Amino acid sequence: MIITFKGGIFSRLLRFQRWTWRVHVDGREHLNQLYAGNKRFLFCFWHGKYVPLFPLLKGYQACVVSSQSARGSVIAEICRNFGYQSAQIPDQPWHESFRLMEKVLSKAQVGGTAVDGPLGPRHRVKSGVIRIVSELGFYLLPISVDSRRKIVFKKRWDRMEFPLPFTRVCLVIGEPIKVPLKVRPRQMRDLADNLAETIAKLDKKAENMTRKKEA
């Protein structure tokens, strides 16, 4: 009951926020090409950036993966309020989490997950994400978002960002990344590091866009 209440309140707040934001999107063609072509892909973003993505990506039928925890349950409730599917995966043991995540995503065209979550380290991509998309034949779709005026929760490990009302919000979508089938263990870390570098570049691009003077 408390989870439902929290998720409902937070969803209403985000809907109001979205109504006030001045939103700019860069790279939407990458997303639309994959979606319209029925390609399977995984939205990849940092844990600290996920809050504004709920309203910004509304309308895309994605399955969002979160942890099996109280916080993860609130996220799952928010997902339902915005029309997404949701799946909660236990943090431990790792092999069991991997199996469950693979099972959930095997039934979806589009997935979404914080690639450095749920517990960090911050901005370090988990190599298990690479293994999953390799097994399922998904594309990786790196994304980032930034806002000109926001609250940053600096005491959290992920430094979560919460955009304020009536601000400029910029969503940046990178080019899809195709991961080889049956990727070798030695390749996984290299691909994970490459994904982290790509998202970092999108972070910078989104940050520059939010600070650009509007015409």
N, C-alpha and C. Protein backbone atom coordinates (compact mmCIF):
# COMPACT_ATOMS: atom_id res chain seq x y z
N MET A 1 0.84 -1.21 0.00
CA MET A 1 0.00 0.00 0.00
C MET A 1 0.88 1.26 0.00
N ILE A 2 1.91 1.27 0.84
CA ILE A 2 2.81 2.43 0.91
C ILE A 2 3.56 2.57 -0.40
N ILE A 3 3.98 1.44 -0.98
CA ILE A 3 4.70 1.47 -2.25
C ILE A 3 3.83 2.07 -3.34
N THR A 4 2.56 1.64 -3.40
CA THR A 4 1.62 2.16 -4.40
C THR A 4 1.42 3.66 -4.21
N PHE A 5 1.28 4.09 -2.96
CA PHE A 5 1.09 5.51 -2.66
C PHE A 5 2.30 6.33 -3.10
N LYS A 6 3.49 5.88 -2.72
CA LYS A 6 4.70 6.61 -3.08
C LYS A 6 4.87 6.68 -4.60
N GLY A 7 4.66 5.52 -5.25
CA GLY A 7 4.80 5.50 -6.70
C GLY A 7 3.81 6.41 -7.40
N GLY A 8 2.57 6.45 -6.89
CA GLY A 8 1.54 7.29 -7.47
C GLY A 8 1.85 8.78 -7.30
N ILE A 9 2.28 9.16 -6.10
CA ILE A 9 2.62 10.56 -5.84
C ILE A 9 3.79 11.00 -6.71
N PHE A 10 4.82 10.18 -6.77
CA PHE A 10 6.01 10.53 -7.55
C PHE A 10 5.67 10.63 -9.03
N SER A 11 4.79 9.75 -9.52
CA SER A 11 4.39 9.78 -10.92
C SER A 11 3.63 11.06 -11.25
N ARG A 12 2.74 11.47 -10.36
CA ARG A 12 1.99 12.72 -10.57
C ARG A 12 2.94 13.92 -10.58
N LEU A 13 3.90 13.90 -9.68
CA LEU A 13 4.88 14.98 -9.64
C LEU A 13 5.67 15.05 -10.94
N LEU A 14 6.09 13.91 -11.45
CA LEU A 14 6.87 13.89 -12.69
C LEU A 14 6.02 14.33 -13.89
N ARG A 15 4.74 13.99 -13.90
CA ARG A 15 3.87 14.46 -14.98
C ARG A 15 3.76 15.98 -14.97
N PHE A 16 3.62 16.53 -13.79
CA PHE A 16 3.57 18.00 -13.68
C PHE A 16 4.88 18.61 -14.13
N GLN A 17 6.00 18.03 -13.66
CA GLN A 17 7.31 18.53 -14.05
C GLN A 17 7.46 18.53 -15.57
N ARG A 18 7.09 17.41 -16.18
CA ARG A 18 7.24 17.28 -17.64
C ARG A 18 6.44 18.36 -18.37
N TRP A 19 5.30 18.69 -17.86
CA TRP A 19 4.44 19.71 -18.49
C TRP A 19 5.12 21.07 -18.49
N THR A 20 5.98 21.33 -17.50
CA THR A 20 6.63 22.64 -17.38
C THR A 20 7.98 22.71 -18.08
N TRP A 21 8.58 21.56 -18.39
CA TRP A 21 9.93 21.55 -18.96
C TRP A 21 9.96 22.03 -20.41
N ARG A 22 11.06 22.63 -20.80
CA ARG A 22 11.34 22.93 -22.21
C ARG A 22 12.30 21.83 -22.68
N VAL A 23 11.75 20.88 -23.40
CA VAL A 23 12.49 19.66 -23.73
C VAL A 23 13.12 19.75 -25.12
N HIS A 24 14.36 19.35 -25.21
CA HIS A 24 15.08 19.28 -26.48
C HIS A 24 15.68 17.88 -26.59
N VAL A 25 15.51 17.26 -27.75
CA VAL A 25 16.00 15.90 -27.96
C VAL A 25 16.98 15.88 -29.11
N ASP A 26 18.10 15.23 -28.90
CA ASP A 26 19.11 15.06 -29.95
C ASP A 26 19.30 13.56 -30.20
N GLY A 27 19.23 13.16 -31.46
CA GLY A 27 19.45 11.76 -31.81
C GLY A 27 18.21 10.89 -31.79
N ARG A 28 17.02 11.51 -31.80
CA ARG A 28 15.79 10.71 -31.76
C ARG A 28 15.69 9.73 -32.93
N GLU A 29 16.34 10.08 -34.05
CA GLU A 29 16.26 9.19 -35.22
C GLU A 29 16.84 7.81 -34.93
N HIS A 30 17.84 7.75 -34.06
CA HIS A 30 18.42 6.44 -33.70
C HIS A 30 17.39 5.57 -33.00
N LEU A 31 16.65 6.17 -32.10
CA LEU A 31 15.62 5.45 -31.37
C LEU A 31 14.48 5.05 -32.30
N ASN A 32 14.02 5.99 -33.11
CA ASN A 32 12.88 5.71 -33.98
C ASN A 32 13.17 4.63 -35.02
N GLN A 33 14.40 4.63 -35.53
CA GLN A 33 14.78 3.61 -36.51
C GLN A 33 14.75 2.22 -35.92
N LEU A 34 15.26 2.09 -34.71
CA LEU A 34 15.24 0.79 -34.05
C LEU A 34 13.81 0.37 -33.73
N TYR A 35 13.04 1.30 -33.19
CA TYR A 35 11.69 0.98 -32.75
C TYR A 35 10.79 0.64 -33.93
N ALA A 36 10.85 1.46 -34.98
CA ALA A 36 10.01 1.24 -36.16
C ALA A 36 10.42 -0.03 -36.90
N GLY A 37 11.71 -0.36 -36.84
CA GLY A 37 12.20 -1.56 -37.52
C GLY A 37 12.07 -2.82 -36.70
N ASN A 38 11.39 -2.74 -35.56
CA ASN A 38 11.19 -3.89 -34.67
C ASN A 38 12.51 -4.53 -34.23
N LYS A 39 13.54 -3.71 -34.12
CA LYS A 39 14.81 -4.20 -33.61
C LYS A 39 14.75 -4.26 -32.09
N ARG A 40 15.42 -5.22 -31.53
CA ARG A 40 15.44 -5.36 -30.08
C ARG A 40 16.63 -4.56 -29.52
N PHE A 41 16.35 -3.77 -28.49
CA PHE A 41 17.43 -2.95 -27.96
C PHE A 41 17.22 -2.66 -26.48
N LEU A 42 18.31 -2.21 -25.85
CA LEU A 42 18.30 -1.92 -24.42
C LEU A 42 18.72 -0.47 -24.20
N PHE A 43 17.82 0.34 -23.61
CA PHE A 43 18.20 1.69 -23.18
C PHE A 43 19.26 1.56 -22.09
N CYS A 44 20.38 2.25 -22.26
CA CYS A 44 21.48 2.18 -21.29
C CYS A 44 21.76 3.58 -20.74
N PHE A 45 21.66 3.75 -19.43
CA PHE A 45 21.82 5.06 -18.81
C PHE A 45 22.40 4.88 -17.42
N TRP A 46 22.87 5.99 -16.85
CA TRP A 46 23.39 5.96 -15.49
C TRP A 46 22.26 5.98 -14.47
N HIS A 47 22.50 5.35 -13.33
CA HIS A 47 21.50 5.27 -12.28
C HIS A 47 21.07 6.65 -11.79
N GLY A 48 22.01 7.58 -11.72
CA GLY A 48 21.68 8.91 -11.23
C GLY A 48 20.87 9.76 -12.19
N LYS A 49 20.66 9.27 -13.41
CA LYS A 49 19.97 10.05 -14.44
C LYS A 49 18.54 9.56 -14.74
N TYR A 50 18.10 8.50 -14.04
CA TYR A 50 16.88 7.84 -14.50
C TYR A 50 15.58 8.62 -14.25
N VAL A 51 15.55 9.53 -13.29
CA VAL A 51 14.29 10.16 -12.89
C VAL A 51 13.55 10.82 -14.05
N PRO A 52 14.17 11.74 -14.82
CA PRO A 52 13.41 12.39 -15.90
C PRO A 52 13.11 11.49 -17.09
N LEU A 53 13.73 10.32 -17.14
CA LEU A 53 13.50 9.44 -18.29
C LEU A 53 12.10 8.85 -18.30
N PHE A 54 11.47 8.71 -17.13
CA PHE A 54 10.11 8.16 -17.10
C PHE A 54 9.16 8.96 -17.99
N PRO A 55 9.03 10.27 -17.79
CA PRO A 55 8.12 11.02 -18.68
C PRO A 55 8.69 11.28 -20.07
N LEU A 56 10.01 11.41 -20.19
CA LEU A 56 10.61 11.74 -21.49
C LEU A 56 10.47 10.62 -22.51
N LEU A 57 10.46 9.37 -22.05
CA LEU A 57 10.38 8.22 -22.96
C LEU A 57 9.00 7.57 -22.96
N LYS A 58 8.03 8.25 -22.38
CA LYS A 58 6.66 7.73 -22.33
C LYS A 58 6.15 7.47 -23.75
N GLY A 59 5.52 6.32 -23.94
CA GLY A 59 5.00 5.95 -25.25
C GLY A 59 5.78 4.83 -25.89
N TYR A 60 7.02 4.62 -25.44
CA TYR A 60 7.82 3.49 -25.93
C TYR A 60 7.59 2.31 -24.98
N GLN A 61 7.16 1.21 -25.53
CA GLN A 61 6.80 0.05 -24.72
C GLN A 61 8.05 -0.70 -24.27
N ALA A 62 8.65 -0.21 -23.21
CA ALA A 62 9.89 -0.80 -22.71
C ALA A 62 9.65 -1.56 -21.41
N CYS A 63 10.49 -2.55 -21.18
CA CYS A 63 10.49 -3.29 -19.93
C CYS A 63 11.67 -2.77 -19.11
N VAL A 64 11.37 -2.13 -17.99
CA VAL A 64 12.40 -1.51 -17.16
C VAL A 64 12.78 -2.47 -16.03
N VAL A 65 14.08 -2.71 -15.90
CA VAL A 65 14.58 -3.63 -14.88
C VAL A 65 15.07 -2.84 -13.68
N SER A 66 14.59 -3.20 -12.49
CA SER A 66 15.03 -2.56 -11.25
C SER A 66 15.35 -3.64 -10.23
N SER A 67 15.90 -3.23 -9.09
CA SER A 67 16.29 -4.20 -8.07
C SER A 67 15.08 -4.65 -7.25
N GLN A 68 15.21 -5.80 -6.63
CA GLN A 68 14.17 -6.34 -5.77
C GLN A 68 14.37 -5.79 -4.37
N SER A 69 13.89 -4.55 -4.18
CA SER A 69 14.06 -3.83 -2.92
C SER A 69 12.90 -2.86 -2.79
N ALA A 70 12.83 -2.18 -1.65
CA ALA A 70 11.75 -1.20 -1.45
C ALA A 70 11.83 -0.09 -2.50
N ARG A 71 13.05 0.40 -2.74
CA ARG A 71 13.24 1.45 -3.74
C ARG A 71 12.91 0.92 -5.14
N GLY A 72 13.33 -0.32 -5.41
CA GLY A 72 13.03 -0.92 -6.70
C GLY A 72 11.54 -1.11 -6.90
N SER A 73 10.81 -1.39 -5.81
CA SER A 73 9.35 -1.54 -5.90
C SER A 73 8.67 -0.23 -6.24
N VAL A 74 9.19 0.88 -5.69
CA VAL A 74 8.65 2.20 -6.03
C VAL A 74 8.90 2.49 -7.51
N ILE A 75 10.10 2.17 -8.00
CA ILE A 75 10.42 2.36 -9.41
C ILE A 75 9.47 1.54 -10.28
N ALA A 76 9.21 0.30 -9.87
CA ALA A 76 8.30 -0.56 -10.62
C ALA A 76 6.90 0.04 -10.68
N GLU A 77 6.46 0.63 -9.58
CA GLU A 77 5.14 1.27 -9.53
C GLU A 77 5.09 2.48 -10.45
N ILE A 78 6.16 3.27 -10.47
CA ILE A 78 6.24 4.42 -11.38
C ILE A 78 6.19 3.95 -12.82
N CYS A 79 6.90 2.86 -13.11
CA CYS A 79 6.87 2.30 -14.47
C CYS A 79 5.45 1.97 -14.89
N ARG A 80 4.71 1.32 -14.03
CA ARG A 80 3.33 0.97 -14.35
C ARG A 80 2.48 2.21 -14.61
N ASN A 81 2.72 3.25 -13.83
CA ASN A 81 1.96 4.49 -13.99
C ASN A 81 2.25 5.18 -15.33
N PHE A 82 3.45 4.97 -15.86
CA PHE A 82 3.81 5.57 -17.14
C PHE A 82 3.64 4.62 -18.32
N GLY A 83 3.09 3.44 -18.07
CA GLY A 83 2.78 2.52 -19.16
C GLY A 83 3.91 1.59 -19.56
N TYR A 84 4.97 1.53 -18.73
CA TYR A 84 6.06 0.60 -19.02
C TYR A 84 5.79 -0.74 -18.33
N GLN A 85 6.43 -1.78 -18.84
CA GLN A 85 6.49 -3.03 -18.11
C GLN A 85 7.60 -2.88 -17.07
N SER A 86 7.57 -3.72 -16.05
CA SER A 86 8.61 -3.65 -15.05
C SER A 86 8.99 -5.05 -14.60
N ALA A 87 10.24 -5.18 -14.21
CA ALA A 87 10.73 -6.46 -13.69
C ALA A 87 11.73 -6.16 -12.58
N GLN A 88 11.55 -6.82 -11.45
CA GLN A 88 12.46 -6.63 -10.32
C GLN A 88 13.35 -7.85 -10.17
N ILE A 89 14.65 -7.59 -10.10
CA ILE A 89 15.64 -8.65 -10.05
C ILE A 89 16.41 -8.55 -8.74
N PRO A 90 16.60 -9.66 -8.02
CA PRO A 90 17.38 -9.61 -6.78
C PRO A 90 18.84 -9.27 -7.05
N ASP A 91 19.45 -8.55 -6.11
CA ASP A 91 20.85 -8.14 -6.28
C ASP A 91 21.81 -9.32 -6.19
N GLN A 92 21.47 -10.32 -5.40
CA GLN A 92 22.36 -11.45 -5.17
C GLN A 92 21.55 -12.75 -5.20
N PRO A 93 22.15 -13.88 -5.54
CA PRO A 93 23.49 -14.02 -6.08
C PRO A 93 23.54 -13.58 -7.53
N TRP A 94 24.74 -13.26 -8.02
CA TRP A 94 24.86 -12.67 -9.35
C TRP A 94 24.33 -13.59 -10.44
N HIS A 95 24.70 -14.87 -10.40
CA HIS A 95 24.31 -15.77 -11.49
C HIS A 95 22.80 -15.92 -11.57
N GLU A 96 22.13 -15.89 -10.41
CA GLU A 96 20.67 -15.99 -10.39
C GLU A 96 20.05 -14.71 -10.96
N SER A 97 20.60 -13.55 -10.60
CA SER A 97 20.11 -12.28 -11.12
C SER A 97 20.25 -12.24 -12.64
N PHE A 98 21.39 -12.72 -13.13
CA PHE A 98 21.63 -12.75 -14.56
C PHE A 98 20.59 -13.61 -15.26
N ARG A 99 20.34 -14.79 -14.70
CA ARG A 99 19.38 -15.70 -15.33
C ARG A 99 17.99 -15.09 -15.40
N LEU A 100 17.57 -14.45 -14.31
CA LEU A 100 16.24 -13.85 -14.26
C LEU A 100 16.13 -12.65 -15.21
N MET A 101 17.16 -11.82 -15.26
CA MET A 101 17.14 -10.67 -16.15
C MET A 101 17.09 -11.12 -17.61
N GLU A 102 17.85 -12.14 -17.92
CA GLU A 102 17.83 -12.68 -19.29
C GLU A 102 16.46 -13.23 -19.64
N LYS A 103 15.82 -13.91 -18.68
CA LYS A 103 14.49 -14.47 -18.91
C LYS A 103 13.46 -13.38 -19.17
N VAL A 104 13.53 -12.31 -18.37
CA VAL A 104 12.59 -11.20 -18.51
C VAL A 104 12.75 -10.50 -19.86
N LEU A 105 13.99 -10.18 -20.21
CA LEU A 105 14.24 -9.43 -21.44
C LEU A 105 14.04 -10.27 -22.69
N SER A 106 14.09 -11.59 -22.56
CA SER A 106 13.90 -12.45 -23.73
C SER A 106 12.50 -12.31 -24.32
N LYS A 107 11.56 -11.78 -23.51
CA LYS A 107 10.17 -11.62 -23.98
C LYS A 107 9.87 -10.20 -24.44
N ALA A 108 10.87 -9.32 -24.38
CA ALA A 108 10.64 -7.90 -24.69
C ALA A 108 11.36 -7.48 -25.96
N GLN A 109 10.78 -6.49 -26.66
CA GLN A 109 11.49 -5.87 -27.78
C GLN A 109 12.44 -4.80 -27.26
N VAL A 110 11.98 -4.07 -26.23
CA VAL A 110 12.76 -2.96 -25.70
C VAL A 110 12.93 -3.14 -24.19
N GLY A 111 14.15 -2.96 -23.73
CA GLY A 111 14.43 -2.99 -22.30
C GLY A 111 15.10 -1.71 -21.87
N GLY A 112 15.20 -1.53 -20.58
CA GLY A 112 15.89 -0.35 -20.06
C GLY A 112 16.48 -0.67 -18.70
N THR A 113 17.73 -0.25 -18.48
CA THR A 113 18.33 -0.49 -17.18
C THR A 113 19.45 0.51 -16.93
N ALA A 114 19.68 0.81 -15.64
CA ALA A 114 20.82 1.63 -15.25
C ALA A 114 22.05 0.72 -15.25
N VAL A 115 22.96 0.97 -16.15
CA VAL A 115 24.05 0.02 -16.37
C VAL A 115 25.12 0.06 -15.28
N ASP A 116 25.04 1.03 -14.36
CA ASP A 116 25.95 1.04 -13.22
C ASP A 116 25.21 0.73 -11.92
N GLY A 117 23.94 0.34 -12.02
CA GLY A 117 23.14 0.06 -10.84
C GLY A 117 23.11 -1.42 -10.51
N PRO A 118 22.40 -1.74 -9.39
CA PRO A 118 21.70 -0.80 -8.51
C PRO A 118 22.57 -0.22 -7.38
N LEU A 119 23.80 -0.72 -7.24
CA LEU A 119 24.61 -0.30 -6.10
C LEU A 119 25.96 0.27 -6.47
N GLY A 120 26.21 0.49 -7.77
CA GLY A 120 27.48 1.06 -8.19
C GLY A 120 28.55 0.00 -8.42
N PRO A 121 29.79 0.40 -8.60
CA PRO A 121 30.32 1.77 -8.52
C PRO A 121 29.72 2.72 -9.57
N ARG A 122 29.68 3.99 -9.22
CA ARG A 122 29.08 4.99 -10.08
C ARG A 122 29.83 5.08 -11.42
N HIS A 123 29.04 5.09 -12.49
CA HIS A 123 29.53 5.27 -13.86
C HIS A 123 30.49 4.16 -14.31
N ARG A 124 30.29 2.98 -13.77
CA ARG A 124 31.04 1.81 -14.23
C ARG A 124 30.04 0.78 -14.73
N VAL A 125 30.08 0.49 -16.01
CA VAL A 125 29.12 -0.43 -16.63
C VAL A 125 29.38 -1.85 -16.15
N LYS A 126 28.32 -2.53 -15.73
CA LYS A 126 28.44 -3.93 -15.32
C LYS A 126 28.61 -4.80 -16.57
N SER A 127 29.62 -5.64 -16.56
CA SER A 127 29.90 -6.47 -17.74
C SER A 127 28.76 -7.46 -18.02
N GLY A 128 27.96 -7.77 -16.98
CA GLY A 128 26.83 -8.67 -17.18
C GLY A 128 25.82 -8.13 -18.17
N VAL A 129 25.71 -6.80 -18.26
CA VAL A 129 24.81 -6.19 -19.25
C VAL A 129 25.23 -6.56 -20.65
N ILE A 130 26.54 -6.54 -20.90
CA ILE A 130 27.06 -6.91 -22.21
C ILE A 130 26.76 -8.36 -22.52
N ARG A 131 26.92 -9.21 -21.54
CA ARG A 131 26.66 -10.64 -21.74
C ARG A 131 25.20 -10.89 -22.09
N ILE A 132 24.30 -10.20 -21.41
CA ILE A 132 22.87 -10.40 -21.66
C ILE A 132 22.48 -9.99 -23.08
N VAL A 133 22.90 -8.79 -23.50
CA VAL A 133 22.53 -8.33 -24.84
C VAL A 133 23.18 -9.20 -25.91
N SER A 134 24.34 -9.74 -25.62
CA SER A 134 25.00 -10.65 -26.55
C SER A 134 24.20 -11.93 -26.71
N GLU A 135 23.74 -12.48 -25.60
CA GLU A 135 22.96 -13.72 -25.63
C GLU A 135 21.61 -13.53 -26.34
N LEU A 136 21.00 -12.35 -26.16
CA LEU A 136 19.65 -12.11 -26.68
C LEU A 136 19.64 -11.41 -28.04
N GLY A 137 20.80 -10.96 -28.51
CA GLY A 137 20.85 -10.29 -29.80
C GLY A 137 20.30 -8.88 -29.78
N PHE A 138 20.39 -8.20 -28.63
CA PHE A 138 19.92 -6.82 -28.50
C PHE A 138 21.00 -5.85 -29.00
N TYR A 139 20.54 -4.67 -29.40
CA TYR A 139 21.43 -3.53 -29.56
C TYR A 139 21.52 -2.81 -28.22
N LEU A 140 22.63 -2.17 -27.95
CA LEU A 140 22.75 -1.23 -26.85
C LEU A 140 22.39 0.15 -27.37
N LEU A 141 21.53 0.87 -26.68
CA LEU A 141 21.19 2.23 -27.06
C LEU A 141 21.55 3.17 -25.92
N PRO A 142 22.74 3.77 -25.96
CA PRO A 142 23.16 4.66 -24.87
C PRO A 142 22.40 5.98 -24.90
N ILE A 143 22.00 6.47 -23.74
CA ILE A 143 21.28 7.73 -23.64
C ILE A 143 21.76 8.50 -22.41
N SER A 144 21.55 9.81 -22.44
CA SER A 144 21.83 10.64 -21.28
C SER A 144 20.84 11.80 -21.26
N VAL A 145 20.73 12.43 -20.12
CA VAL A 145 19.81 13.55 -19.97
C VAL A 145 20.41 14.53 -18.97
N ASP A 146 20.15 15.81 -19.20
CA ASP A 146 20.63 16.83 -18.26
C ASP A 146 19.61 17.96 -18.24
N SER A 147 19.64 18.73 -17.17
CA SER A 147 18.74 19.87 -17.04
C SER A 147 19.52 21.08 -16.52
N ARG A 148 19.07 22.24 -16.93
CA ARG A 148 19.78 23.46 -16.53
C ARG A 148 19.67 23.71 -15.04
N ARG A 149 18.48 23.53 -14.50
CA ARG A 149 18.26 23.74 -13.07
C ARG A 149 17.78 22.42 -12.47
N LYS A 150 18.48 21.96 -11.45
CA LYS A 150 18.18 20.65 -10.89
C LYS A 150 18.68 20.54 -9.46
N ILE A 151 18.15 19.57 -8.76
CA ILE A 151 18.66 19.19 -7.45
C ILE A 151 19.54 17.97 -7.64
N VAL A 152 20.73 18.00 -7.04
CA VAL A 152 21.63 16.85 -7.09
C VAL A 152 21.78 16.31 -5.66
N PHE A 153 21.43 15.06 -5.47
CA PHE A 153 21.52 14.44 -4.16
C PHE A 153 22.95 13.90 -3.96
N LYS A 154 23.81 14.76 -3.46
CA LYS A 154 25.24 14.47 -3.41
C LYS A 154 25.61 13.39 -2.40
N LYS A 155 24.75 13.10 -1.45
CA LYS A 155 25.06 12.08 -0.45
C LYS A 155 24.73 10.67 -0.95
N ARG A 156 23.99 10.57 -2.03
CA ARG A 156 23.71 9.26 -2.61
C ARG A 156 24.91 8.79 -3.44
N TRP A 157 25.10 7.49 -3.54
CA TRP A 157 26.25 6.97 -4.30
C TRP A 157 26.15 7.36 -5.77
N ASP A 158 24.93 7.48 -6.31
CA ASP A 158 24.75 7.76 -7.73
C ASP A 158 24.61 9.25 -8.04
N ARG A 159 24.59 10.09 -6.99
CA ARG A 159 24.41 11.54 -7.16
C ARG A 159 23.17 11.82 -8.03
N MET A 160 22.07 11.26 -7.61
CA MET A 160 20.82 11.37 -8.38
C MET A 160 20.46 12.82 -8.68
N GLU A 161 19.97 13.04 -9.92
CA GLU A 161 19.58 14.38 -10.36
C GLU A 161 18.07 14.46 -10.52
N PHE A 162 17.50 15.55 -10.04
CA PHE A 162 16.06 15.78 -10.13
C PHE A 162 15.82 17.16 -10.73
N PRO A 163 15.37 17.22 -11.99
CA PRO A 163 15.14 18.52 -12.64
C PRO A 163 14.05 19.32 -11.92
N LEU A 164 14.25 20.62 -11.84
CA LEU A 164 13.26 21.51 -11.25
C LEU A 164 12.21 21.89 -12.29
N PRO A 165 11.08 22.42 -11.87
CA PRO A 165 10.06 22.86 -12.83
C PRO A 165 10.56 24.03 -13.68
N PHE A 166 9.95 24.18 -14.84
CA PHE A 166 10.19 25.32 -15.72
C PHE A 166 11.67 25.49 -16.08
N THR A 167 12.31 24.37 -16.39
CA THR A 167 13.72 24.43 -16.77
C THR A 167 13.91 23.75 -18.13
N ARG A 168 15.08 23.93 -18.70
CA ARG A 168 15.43 23.31 -19.96
C ARG A 168 15.99 21.90 -19.68
N VAL A 169 15.41 20.91 -20.33
CA VAL A 169 15.83 19.52 -20.17
C VAL A 169 16.22 18.96 -21.53
N CYS A 170 17.40 18.37 -21.60
CA CYS A 170 17.91 17.87 -22.88
C CYS A 170 18.18 16.38 -22.80
N LEU A 171 17.57 15.64 -23.70
CA LEU A 171 17.76 14.20 -23.82
C LEU A 171 18.62 13.94 -25.05
N VAL A 172 19.70 13.19 -24.86
CA VAL A 172 20.62 12.87 -25.96
C VAL A 172 20.65 11.36 -26.15
N ILE A 173 20.42 10.93 -27.39
CA ILE A 173 20.37 9.51 -27.73
C ILE A 173 21.53 9.20 -28.66
N GLY A 174 22.36 8.26 -28.27
CA GLY A 174 23.53 7.91 -29.07
C GLY A 174 23.21 6.92 -30.17
N GLU A 175 24.21 6.59 -30.95
CA GLU A 175 24.05 5.60 -32.01
C GLU A 175 23.97 4.20 -31.40
N PRO A 176 23.13 3.33 -31.97
CA PRO A 176 23.04 1.96 -31.46
C PRO A 176 24.38 1.24 -31.56
N ILE A 177 24.64 0.39 -30.59
CA ILE A 177 25.87 -0.40 -30.56
C ILE A 177 25.49 -1.87 -30.68
N LYS A 178 26.02 -2.52 -31.70
CA LYS A 178 25.75 -3.94 -31.90
C LYS A 178 26.81 -4.77 -31.19
N VAL A 179 26.38 -5.65 -30.32
CA VAL A 179 27.30 -6.51 -29.58
C VAL A 179 27.34 -7.88 -30.27
N PRO A 180 28.52 -8.42 -30.50
CA PRO A 180 28.63 -9.73 -31.16
C PRO A 180 27.91 -10.81 -30.36
N LEU A 181 27.35 -11.79 -31.06
CA LEU A 181 26.75 -12.94 -30.40
C LEU A 181 27.83 -13.77 -29.72
N LYS A 182 27.48 -14.32 -28.57
CA LYS A 182 28.39 -15.17 -27.81
C LYS A 182 29.74 -14.48 -27.59
N VAL A 183 29.65 -13.28 -27.09
CA VAL A 183 30.86 -12.49 -26.83
C VAL A 183 31.75 -13.21 -25.82
N ARG A 184 33.03 -13.13 -26.05
CA ARG A 184 33.99 -13.79 -25.17
C ARG A 184 34.19 -12.97 -23.89
N PRO A 185 34.53 -13.67 -22.79
CA PRO A 185 34.71 -12.96 -21.51
C PRO A 185 35.71 -11.81 -21.59
N ARG A 186 36.79 -11.99 -22.35
CA ARG A 186 37.79 -10.93 -22.46
C ARG A 186 37.24 -9.70 -23.18
N GLN A 187 36.26 -9.93 -24.06
CA GLN A 187 35.67 -8.81 -24.80
C GLN A 187 34.68 -8.02 -23.96
N MET A 188 34.05 -8.68 -23.00
CA MET A 188 32.97 -8.04 -22.24
C MET A 188 33.44 -6.78 -21.52
N ARG A 189 34.59 -6.85 -20.87
CA ARG A 189 35.07 -5.69 -20.14
C ARG A 189 35.42 -4.55 -21.08
N ASP A 190 36.01 -4.88 -22.25
CA ASP A 190 36.34 -3.84 -23.22
C ASP A 190 35.07 -3.17 -23.74
N LEU A 191 34.05 -3.97 -24.04
CA LEU A 191 32.79 -3.42 -24.53
C LEU A 191 32.09 -2.60 -23.44
N ALA A 192 32.19 -3.06 -22.20
CA ALA A 192 31.59 -2.31 -21.09
C ALA A 192 32.29 -0.97 -20.91
N ASP A 193 33.60 -0.96 -21.01
CA ASP A 193 34.36 0.30 -20.89
C ASP A 193 34.02 1.24 -22.05
N ASN A 194 33.85 0.68 -23.24
CA ASN A 194 33.49 1.49 -24.40
C ASN A 194 32.10 2.11 -24.23
N LEU A 195 31.18 1.34 -23.68
CA LEU A 195 29.83 1.87 -23.43
C LEU A 195 29.89 2.99 -22.40
N ALA A 196 30.70 2.83 -21.36
CA ALA A 196 30.84 3.86 -20.35
C ALA A 196 31.40 5.15 -20.95
N GLU A 197 32.39 5.03 -21.81
CA GLU A 197 32.96 6.20 -22.48
C GLU A 197 31.93 6.88 -23.37
N THR A 198 31.12 6.08 -24.05
CA THR A 198 30.08 6.64 -24.93
C THR A 198 29.05 7.41 -24.14
N ILE A 199 28.58 6.84 -23.02
CA ILE A 199 27.59 7.54 -22.20
C ILE A 199 28.19 8.81 -21.60
N ALA A 200 29.47 8.76 -21.23
CA ALA A 200 30.13 9.95 -20.69
C ALA A 200 30.15 11.08 -21.73
N LYS A 201 30.36 10.74 -22.99
CA LYS A 201 30.33 11.75 -24.05
C LYS A 201 28.93 12.32 -24.23
N LEU A 202 27.92 11.45 -24.11
CA LEU A 202 26.54 11.92 -24.20
C LEU A 202 26.20 12.82 -23.01
N ASP A 203 26.74 12.48 -21.83
CA ASP A 203 26.56 13.34 -20.65
C ASP A 203 27.04 14.76 -20.96
N LYS A 204 28.23 14.84 -21.52
CA LYS A 204 28.83 16.14 -21.82
C LYS A 204 28.01 16.89 -22.87
N LYS A 205 27.54 16.16 -23.85
CA LYS A 205 26.74 16.79 -24.91
C LYS A 205 25.44 17.33 -24.34
N ALA A 206 24.78 16.54 -23.50
CA ALA A 206 23.53 16.99 -22.88
C ALA A 206 23.77 18.20 -22.00
N GLU A 207 24.87 18.17 -21.26
CA GLU A 207 25.22 19.30 -20.40
C GLU A 207 25.43 20.58 -21.21
N ASN A 208 26.14 20.46 -22.33
CA ASN A 208 26.37 21.62 -23.19
C ASN A 208 25.07 22.15 -23.78
N MET A 209 24.16 21.24 -24.13
CA MET A 209 22.88 21.65 -24.70
C MET A 209 22.04 22.42 -23.69
N THR A 210 22.07 21.99 -22.44
CA THR A 210 21.24 22.68 -21.44
C THR A 210 21.74 24.10 -21.17
N ARG A 211 23.03 24.32 -21.39
CA ARG A 211 23.60 25.62 -21.12
C ARG A 211 23.63 26.53 -22.35
N LYS A 212 23.20 26.00 -23.47
CA LYS A 212 23.14 26.78 -24.70
C LYS A 212 22.01 27.79 -24.61
N LYS A 213 22.26 29.01 -25.03
CA LYS A 213 21.25 30.05 -24.98
C LYS A 213 20.15 29.74 -25.97
N GLU A 214 18.93 29.89 -25.53
CA GLU A 214 17.77 29.64 -26.40
C GLU A 214 17.51 30.86 -27.27
N ALA A 215 17.07 30.58 -28.50
CA ALA A 215 16.78 31.66 -29.44
C ALA A 215 15.55 32.44 -28.98
